[in-house]
Amino acid sequence: MRRYDEPVEVRKSGLGETGGTGQLDRVPGVGGEAAPAQFLLRGRLWQVRQVVAHWVETGAWWQGAEAQQVLGHDTGRAEGQVLARDLLCEQEVWRVEAVRGRAAALATLAGCDGQDPGLGVFDLVLDHGTGRWRLAGCWD
């Protein structure tokens, strides 16, 4: 896996949303939850074929001031002072299989699934604190 930290634009879709084709509104692997349907990376459009995995990661709370105080380390903060980002650092990770471009996605749906170099598995991360998406990793 190659690691990245690049911003991406993501269009999420779920059951009941309108717009685009009906096929893009239902992403395999997700039951009713809004999932990435397509994303724009370096000016190229990628269509999500399937959600491989989905999870939520929290910040490293064990490295925070409260945990360090419990361990007896001086953190420079007053007792009980907690930064909101220490508690609210959550990011949602979507591991998706995607194909490059709309034509490639439609060819895949039609069963023309050859050795397309425009196919990959991507880790898309939504930072709940900022509302921004980024690419964290890629297998292609």
N, C-alpha and C. Protein backbone atom coordinates (compact mmCIF):
# COMPACT_ATOMS: atom_id res chain seq x y z
N MET A 1 0.84 -1.18 0.00
CA MET A 1 0.00 0.00 0.00
C MET A 1 0.88 1.24 0.00
N ARG A 2 0.52 2.17 -0.83
CA ARG A 2 1.20 3.46 -0.83
C ARG A 2 0.42 4.42 0.05
N ARG A 3 1.14 5.17 0.86
CA ARG A 3 0.51 6.14 1.76
C ARG A 3 0.48 7.51 1.11
N TYR A 4 -0.61 8.23 1.32
CA TYR A 4 -0.78 9.58 0.79
C TYR A 4 -1.39 10.46 1.86
N ASP A 5 -1.36 11.73 1.62
CA ASP A 5 -2.08 12.70 2.44
C ASP A 5 -2.50 13.83 1.51
N GLU A 6 -3.40 13.48 0.57
CA GLU A 6 -3.81 14.43 -0.47
C GLU A 6 -5.29 14.73 -0.34
N PRO A 7 -5.65 16.00 -0.51
CA PRO A 7 -7.08 16.33 -0.49
C PRO A 7 -7.79 15.76 -1.71
N VAL A 8 -9.02 15.30 -1.50
CA VAL A 8 -9.86 14.81 -2.59
C VAL A 8 -11.26 15.38 -2.41
N GLU A 9 -11.98 15.50 -3.51
CA GLU A 9 -13.39 15.88 -3.46
C GLU A 9 -14.20 14.60 -3.57
N VAL A 10 -15.16 14.43 -2.67
CA VAL A 10 -15.94 13.20 -2.63
C VAL A 10 -17.42 13.52 -2.77
N ARG A 11 -18.10 12.75 -3.60
CA ARG A 11 -19.56 12.82 -3.69
C ARG A 11 -20.10 11.57 -3.04
N LYS A 12 -20.87 11.76 -1.98
CA LYS A 12 -21.48 10.63 -1.30
C LYS A 12 -22.89 10.45 -1.82
N SER A 13 -23.33 9.23 -1.86
CA SER A 13 -24.72 8.97 -2.21
C SER A 13 -25.19 7.79 -1.38
N GLY A 14 -26.47 7.76 -1.18
CA GLY A 14 -27.06 6.67 -0.41
C GLY A 14 -28.44 6.38 -0.93
N LEU A 15 -29.14 5.55 -0.25
CA LEU A 15 -30.47 5.20 -0.68
C LEU A 15 -31.37 6.42 -0.58
N GLY A 16 -32.15 6.62 -1.60
CA GLY A 16 -33.11 7.72 -1.58
C GLY A 16 -32.59 9.02 -2.14
N GLU A 17 -31.29 9.13 -2.43
CA GLU A 17 -30.77 10.36 -3.01
C GLU A 17 -31.07 10.38 -4.50
N THR A 18 -31.21 11.59 -5.03
CA THR A 18 -31.44 11.71 -6.46
C THR A 18 -30.24 12.34 -7.11
N GLY A 19 -30.21 12.32 -8.41
CA GLY A 19 -29.09 12.89 -9.15
C GLY A 19 -28.21 11.79 -9.69
N GLY A 20 -27.64 12.05 -10.85
CA GLY A 20 -26.79 11.03 -11.47
C GLY A 20 -27.64 9.88 -11.96
N THR A 21 -27.03 8.76 -12.23
CA THR A 21 -27.79 7.59 -12.66
C THR A 21 -28.21 6.82 -11.43
N GLY A 22 -29.25 6.04 -11.55
CA GLY A 22 -29.72 5.23 -10.44
C GLY A 22 -28.67 4.26 -9.95
N GLN A 23 -27.80 3.81 -10.86
CA GLN A 23 -26.78 2.84 -10.49
C GLN A 23 -25.77 3.43 -9.52
N LEU A 24 -25.48 4.72 -9.65
CA LEU A 24 -24.49 5.33 -8.76
C LEU A 24 -25.06 5.62 -7.38
N ASP A 25 -26.39 5.63 -7.26
CA ASP A 25 -27.00 5.92 -5.97
C ASP A 25 -26.93 4.73 -5.02
N ARG A 26 -26.64 3.55 -5.53
CA ARG A 26 -26.54 2.37 -4.69
C ARG A 26 -25.13 1.81 -4.79
N VAL A 27 -24.35 2.02 -3.76
CA VAL A 27 -22.97 1.52 -3.76
C VAL A 27 -22.95 0.17 -3.06
N PRO A 28 -22.50 -0.90 -3.73
CA PRO A 28 -22.48 -2.23 -3.11
C PRO A 28 -21.63 -2.25 -1.84
N GLY A 29 -22.07 -3.01 -0.86
CA GLY A 29 -21.31 -3.18 0.37
C GLY A 29 -21.78 -2.30 1.51
N VAL A 30 -22.77 -1.44 1.26
CA VAL A 30 -23.25 -0.53 2.30
C VAL A 30 -24.76 -0.64 2.37
N GLY A 31 -25.26 -0.87 3.57
CA GLY A 31 -26.71 -0.97 3.73
C GLY A 31 -27.33 0.34 4.16
N GLY A 32 -27.80 1.14 3.23
CA GLY A 32 -28.55 2.34 3.55
C GLY A 32 -27.73 3.54 4.00
N GLU A 33 -26.48 3.37 4.33
CA GLU A 33 -25.65 4.48 4.80
C GLU A 33 -25.04 5.21 3.61
N ALA A 34 -24.97 6.53 3.71
CA ALA A 34 -24.37 7.32 2.62
C ALA A 34 -22.90 6.95 2.51
N ALA A 35 -22.49 6.57 1.32
CA ALA A 35 -21.12 6.13 1.08
C ALA A 35 -20.54 6.92 -0.08
N PRO A 36 -19.22 7.02 -0.17
CA PRO A 36 -18.63 7.67 -1.34
C PRO A 36 -19.07 6.95 -2.62
N ALA A 37 -19.55 7.72 -3.58
CA ALA A 37 -19.97 7.15 -4.87
C ALA A 37 -18.95 7.49 -5.95
N GLN A 38 -18.31 8.64 -5.80
CA GLN A 38 -17.27 9.04 -6.74
C GLN A 38 -16.36 10.05 -6.06
N PHE A 39 -15.13 10.16 -6.56
CA PHE A 39 -14.21 11.14 -6.00
C PHE A 39 -13.31 11.68 -7.10
N LEU A 40 -12.83 12.88 -6.86
CA LEU A 40 -11.96 13.57 -7.81
C LEU A 40 -10.57 13.63 -7.20
N LEU A 41 -9.61 13.01 -7.88
CA LEU A 41 -8.23 12.94 -7.39
C LEU A 41 -7.31 13.40 -8.51
N ARG A 42 -6.56 14.46 -8.26
CA ARG A 42 -5.62 15.02 -9.25
C ARG A 42 -6.30 15.28 -10.59
N GLY A 43 -7.52 15.79 -10.52
CA GLY A 43 -8.25 16.15 -11.73
C GLY A 43 -8.90 14.98 -12.46
N ARG A 44 -8.83 13.79 -11.89
CA ARG A 44 -9.43 12.61 -12.52
C ARG A 44 -10.60 12.12 -11.68
N LEU A 45 -11.67 11.75 -12.37
CA LEU A 45 -12.86 11.23 -11.72
C LEU A 45 -12.73 9.72 -11.52
N TRP A 46 -13.03 9.27 -10.31
CA TRP A 46 -13.04 7.84 -9.99
C TRP A 46 -14.45 7.47 -9.54
N GLN A 47 -14.97 6.36 -10.06
CA GLN A 47 -16.29 5.85 -9.71
C GLN A 47 -16.12 4.68 -8.74
N VAL A 48 -16.81 4.73 -7.62
CA VAL A 48 -16.73 3.65 -6.63
C VAL A 48 -17.56 2.47 -7.12
N ARG A 49 -16.91 1.31 -7.20
CA ARG A 49 -17.61 0.07 -7.57
C ARG A 49 -18.15 -0.63 -6.34
N GLN A 50 -17.37 -0.57 -5.24
CA GLN A 50 -17.75 -1.33 -4.06
C GLN A 50 -17.06 -0.76 -2.83
N VAL A 51 -17.75 -0.78 -1.70
CA VAL A 51 -17.13 -0.43 -0.42
C VAL A 51 -16.54 -1.72 0.15
N VAL A 52 -15.24 -1.72 0.34
CA VAL A 52 -14.54 -2.90 0.86
C VAL A 52 -14.63 -2.95 2.38
N ALA A 53 -14.47 -1.78 3.02
CA ALA A 53 -14.54 -1.70 4.49
C ALA A 53 -14.86 -0.26 4.89
N HIS A 54 -15.35 -0.11 6.11
CA HIS A 54 -15.69 1.20 6.65
C HIS A 54 -15.49 1.17 8.16
N TRP A 55 -14.77 2.15 8.70
CA TRP A 55 -14.55 2.21 10.14
C TRP A 55 -14.31 3.65 10.56
N VAL A 56 -14.33 3.86 11.88
CA VAL A 56 -14.08 5.18 12.47
C VAL A 56 -12.84 5.08 13.35
N GLU A 57 -11.93 6.03 13.17
CA GLU A 57 -10.73 6.10 14.00
C GLU A 57 -10.83 7.32 14.91
N THR A 58 -10.35 7.17 16.12
CA THR A 58 -10.32 8.30 17.05
C THR A 58 -8.91 8.83 17.15
N GLY A 59 -8.79 10.00 17.75
CA GLY A 59 -7.46 10.56 17.98
C GLY A 59 -6.70 9.71 18.98
N ALA A 60 -5.44 9.94 19.10
CA ALA A 60 -4.59 9.18 20.03
C ALA A 60 -4.82 9.70 21.45
N TRP A 61 -5.98 9.35 22.02
CA TRP A 61 -6.37 9.86 23.33
C TRP A 61 -5.38 9.47 24.42
N TRP A 62 -4.70 8.33 24.24
CA TRP A 62 -3.75 7.87 25.25
C TRP A 62 -2.51 8.75 25.32
N GLN A 63 -2.31 9.61 24.30
CA GLN A 63 -1.19 10.54 24.32
C GLN A 63 -1.62 11.92 24.81
N GLY A 64 -2.90 12.09 25.09
CA GLY A 64 -3.43 13.38 25.51
C GLY A 64 -3.03 13.75 26.93
N ALA A 65 -3.31 14.99 27.29
CA ALA A 65 -2.92 15.53 28.60
C ALA A 65 -3.54 14.76 29.76
N GLU A 66 -4.82 14.40 29.64
CA GLU A 66 -5.48 13.69 30.74
C GLU A 66 -4.81 12.34 31.00
N ALA A 67 -4.52 11.60 29.96
CA ALA A 67 -3.87 10.30 30.12
C ALA A 67 -2.47 10.48 30.69
N GLN A 68 -1.76 11.50 30.24
CA GLN A 68 -0.41 11.75 30.73
C GLN A 68 -0.43 12.15 32.21
N GLN A 69 -1.46 12.91 32.62
CA GLN A 69 -1.57 13.28 34.03
C GLN A 69 -1.83 12.06 34.89
N VAL A 70 -2.65 11.13 34.41
CA VAL A 70 -2.91 9.90 35.15
C VAL A 70 -1.61 9.11 35.33
N LEU A 71 -0.74 9.17 34.33
CA LEU A 71 0.53 8.47 34.41
C LEU A 71 1.58 9.23 35.23
N GLY A 72 1.22 10.44 35.66
CA GLY A 72 2.13 11.21 36.48
C GLY A 72 3.09 12.10 35.72
N HIS A 73 2.84 12.33 34.43
CA HIS A 73 3.70 13.19 33.62
C HIS A 73 3.16 14.61 33.65
N ASP A 74 4.07 15.59 33.68
CA ASP A 74 3.67 17.00 33.65
C ASP A 74 3.33 17.38 32.21
N THR A 75 2.11 17.91 32.03
CA THR A 75 1.66 18.28 30.69
C THR A 75 1.60 19.78 30.48
N GLY A 76 1.78 20.54 31.53
CA GLY A 76 1.70 21.99 31.40
C GLY A 76 0.27 22.51 31.44
N ARG A 77 -0.69 21.66 31.63
CA ARG A 77 -2.10 22.07 31.73
C ARG A 77 -2.57 21.94 33.16
N ALA A 78 -3.54 22.76 33.48
CA ALA A 78 -4.14 22.67 34.81
C ALA A 78 -4.93 21.37 34.91
N GLU A 79 -5.10 20.87 36.12
CA GLU A 79 -5.86 19.65 36.37
C GLU A 79 -7.26 19.77 35.77
N GLY A 80 -7.67 18.78 35.01
CA GLY A 80 -9.02 18.76 34.45
C GLY A 80 -9.18 19.55 33.16
N GLN A 81 -8.14 20.27 32.73
CA GLN A 81 -8.25 21.05 31.49
C GLN A 81 -8.05 20.11 30.30
N VAL A 82 -9.07 20.01 29.47
CA VAL A 82 -9.04 19.11 28.32
C VAL A 82 -9.36 19.91 27.07
N LEU A 83 -8.56 19.75 26.05
CA LEU A 83 -8.87 20.39 24.78
C LEU A 83 -9.93 19.58 24.05
N ALA A 84 -10.87 20.29 23.41
CA ALA A 84 -11.94 19.61 22.69
C ALA A 84 -11.39 18.70 21.60
N ARG A 85 -10.31 19.11 20.94
CA ARG A 85 -9.78 18.28 19.86
C ARG A 85 -9.24 16.95 20.38
N ASP A 86 -8.83 16.91 21.67
CA ASP A 86 -8.37 15.65 22.26
C ASP A 86 -9.50 14.63 22.33
N LEU A 87 -10.73 15.14 22.53
CA LEU A 87 -11.87 14.25 22.68
C LEU A 87 -12.64 14.02 21.39
N LEU A 88 -12.60 14.98 20.49
CA LEU A 88 -13.45 14.93 19.30
C LEU A 88 -12.71 14.61 18.01
N CYS A 89 -11.47 14.18 18.10
CA CYS A 89 -10.68 13.87 16.90
C CYS A 89 -11.14 12.54 16.33
N GLU A 90 -12.15 12.58 15.50
CA GLU A 90 -12.61 11.36 14.84
C GLU A 90 -12.49 11.52 13.35
N GLN A 91 -12.13 10.43 12.71
CA GLN A 91 -12.13 10.43 11.25
C GLN A 91 -12.75 9.12 10.78
N GLU A 92 -13.53 9.25 9.73
CA GLU A 92 -14.24 8.12 9.15
C GLU A 92 -13.44 7.64 7.94
N VAL A 93 -13.14 6.35 7.90
CA VAL A 93 -12.33 5.80 6.81
C VAL A 93 -13.21 4.88 5.96
N TRP A 94 -13.17 5.12 4.67
CA TRP A 94 -13.88 4.28 3.70
C TRP A 94 -12.84 3.65 2.79
N ARG A 95 -12.73 2.34 2.80
CA ARG A 95 -11.86 1.63 1.86
C ARG A 95 -12.76 1.21 0.69
N VAL A 96 -12.47 1.76 -0.48
CA VAL A 96 -13.34 1.54 -1.63
C VAL A 96 -12.55 1.00 -2.82
N GLU A 97 -13.23 0.21 -3.62
CA GLU A 97 -12.68 -0.22 -4.90
C GLU A 97 -13.29 0.70 -5.94
N ALA A 98 -12.44 1.32 -6.76
CA ALA A 98 -12.93 2.31 -7.72
C ALA A 98 -12.27 2.14 -9.08
N VAL A 99 -12.98 2.60 -10.11
CA VAL A 99 -12.45 2.60 -11.47
C VAL A 99 -12.36 4.04 -11.95
N ARG A 100 -11.40 4.29 -12.82
CA ARG A 100 -11.16 5.65 -13.30
C ARG A 100 -12.16 5.99 -14.40
N GLY A 101 -12.85 7.09 -14.22
CA GLY A 101 -13.74 7.62 -15.25
C GLY A 101 -15.08 6.95 -15.34
N ARG A 102 -16.03 7.69 -15.84
CA ARG A 102 -17.40 7.20 -15.97
C ARG A 102 -17.49 6.07 -17.00
N ALA A 103 -16.78 6.17 -18.10
CA ALA A 103 -16.82 5.13 -19.13
C ALA A 103 -16.31 3.80 -18.59
N ALA A 104 -15.24 3.84 -17.79
CA ALA A 104 -14.69 2.62 -17.20
C ALA A 104 -15.69 2.00 -16.23
N ALA A 105 -16.39 2.84 -15.47
CA ALA A 105 -17.38 2.34 -14.52
C ALA A 105 -18.52 1.66 -15.25
N LEU A 106 -19.00 2.26 -16.34
CA LEU A 106 -20.10 1.68 -17.10
C LEU A 106 -19.66 0.39 -17.80
N ALA A 107 -18.42 0.33 -18.30
CA ALA A 107 -17.90 -0.89 -18.92
C ALA A 107 -17.83 -2.02 -17.90
N THR A 108 -17.44 -1.69 -16.67
CA THR A 108 -17.36 -2.68 -15.61
C THR A 108 -18.75 -3.21 -15.28
N LEU A 109 -19.74 -2.30 -15.19
CA LEU A 109 -21.10 -2.72 -14.90
C LEU A 109 -21.66 -3.60 -16.01
N ALA A 110 -21.20 -3.38 -17.25
CA ALA A 110 -21.68 -4.17 -18.39
C ALA A 110 -20.97 -5.52 -18.49
N GLY A 111 -20.02 -5.79 -17.61
CA GLY A 111 -19.33 -7.07 -17.61
C GLY A 111 -18.06 -7.10 -18.43
N CYS A 112 -17.60 -5.97 -18.92
CA CYS A 112 -16.34 -5.90 -19.69
C CYS A 112 -15.20 -5.64 -18.73
N ASP A 113 -14.95 -6.57 -17.83
CA ASP A 113 -13.98 -6.37 -16.75
C ASP A 113 -12.64 -7.00 -17.11
N GLY A 114 -11.87 -6.34 -17.97
CA GLY A 114 -10.55 -6.83 -18.36
C GLY A 114 -9.49 -6.36 -17.38
N GLN A 115 -8.25 -6.41 -17.79
CA GLN A 115 -7.14 -5.96 -16.97
C GLN A 115 -7.00 -4.45 -17.10
N ASP A 116 -7.96 -3.73 -16.58
CA ASP A 116 -7.99 -2.27 -16.69
C ASP A 116 -7.00 -1.65 -15.71
N PRO A 117 -6.03 -0.86 -16.19
CA PRO A 117 -5.09 -0.21 -15.27
C PRO A 117 -5.76 0.89 -14.45
N GLY A 118 -7.02 1.23 -14.77
CA GLY A 118 -7.73 2.26 -14.03
C GLY A 118 -8.55 1.72 -12.88
N LEU A 119 -8.12 0.62 -12.27
CA LEU A 119 -8.83 0.02 -11.14
C LEU A 119 -7.91 0.06 -9.93
N GLY A 120 -8.46 0.42 -8.76
CA GLY A 120 -7.64 0.45 -7.56
C GLY A 120 -8.49 0.40 -6.30
N VAL A 121 -7.84 0.20 -5.18
CA VAL A 121 -8.49 0.23 -3.87
C VAL A 121 -7.90 1.42 -3.12
N PHE A 122 -8.79 2.27 -2.59
CA PHE A 122 -8.38 3.54 -1.99
C PHE A 122 -8.93 3.67 -0.58
N ASP A 123 -8.15 4.28 0.30
CA ASP A 123 -8.63 4.66 1.63
C ASP A 123 -8.96 6.14 1.60
N LEU A 124 -10.26 6.45 1.66
CA LEU A 124 -10.74 7.83 1.69
C LEU A 124 -11.10 8.16 3.13
N VAL A 125 -10.60 9.29 3.63
CA VAL A 125 -10.78 9.64 5.03
C VAL A 125 -11.52 10.97 5.15
N LEU A 126 -12.60 10.97 5.94
CA LEU A 126 -13.34 12.18 6.24
C LEU A 126 -12.99 12.62 7.65
N ASP A 127 -12.40 13.80 7.79
CA ASP A 127 -12.06 14.38 9.09
C ASP A 127 -13.31 15.11 9.58
N HIS A 128 -13.92 14.60 10.65
CA HIS A 128 -15.15 15.20 11.16
C HIS A 128 -14.91 16.58 11.75
N GLY A 129 -13.71 16.87 12.19
CA GLY A 129 -13.40 18.19 12.75
C GLY A 129 -13.41 19.29 11.71
N THR A 130 -12.92 18.98 10.51
CA THR A 130 -12.83 20.00 9.45
C THR A 130 -13.85 19.79 8.34
N GLY A 131 -14.42 18.58 8.25
CA GLY A 131 -15.35 18.28 7.18
C GLY A 131 -14.66 18.03 5.85
N ARG A 132 -13.35 17.86 5.87
CA ARG A 132 -12.58 17.67 4.63
C ARG A 132 -12.24 16.20 4.41
N TRP A 133 -12.17 15.85 3.13
CA TRP A 133 -11.79 14.51 2.71
C TRP A 133 -10.34 14.50 2.25
N ARG A 134 -9.67 13.35 2.44
CA ARG A 134 -8.32 13.19 1.92
C ARG A 134 -8.10 11.72 1.56
N LEU A 135 -7.16 11.53 0.65
CA LEU A 135 -6.73 10.18 0.30
C LEU A 135 -5.61 9.80 1.26
N ALA A 136 -5.76 8.67 1.96
CA ALA A 136 -4.74 8.24 2.91
C ALA A 136 -3.89 7.11 2.37
N GLY A 137 -4.43 6.30 1.46
CA GLY A 137 -3.67 5.19 0.94
C GLY A 137 -4.28 4.64 -0.32
N CYS A 138 -3.48 3.83 -1.04
CA CYS A 138 -3.94 3.30 -2.32
C CYS A 138 -3.23 2.00 -2.64
N TRP A 139 -4.00 1.02 -3.12
CA TRP A 139 -3.47 -0.19 -3.74
C TRP A 139 -3.95 -0.14 -5.18
N ASP A 140 -3.05 -0.23 -6.13
CA ASP A 140 -3.51 -0.25 -7.53
C ASP A 140 -2.68 -1.18 -8.38
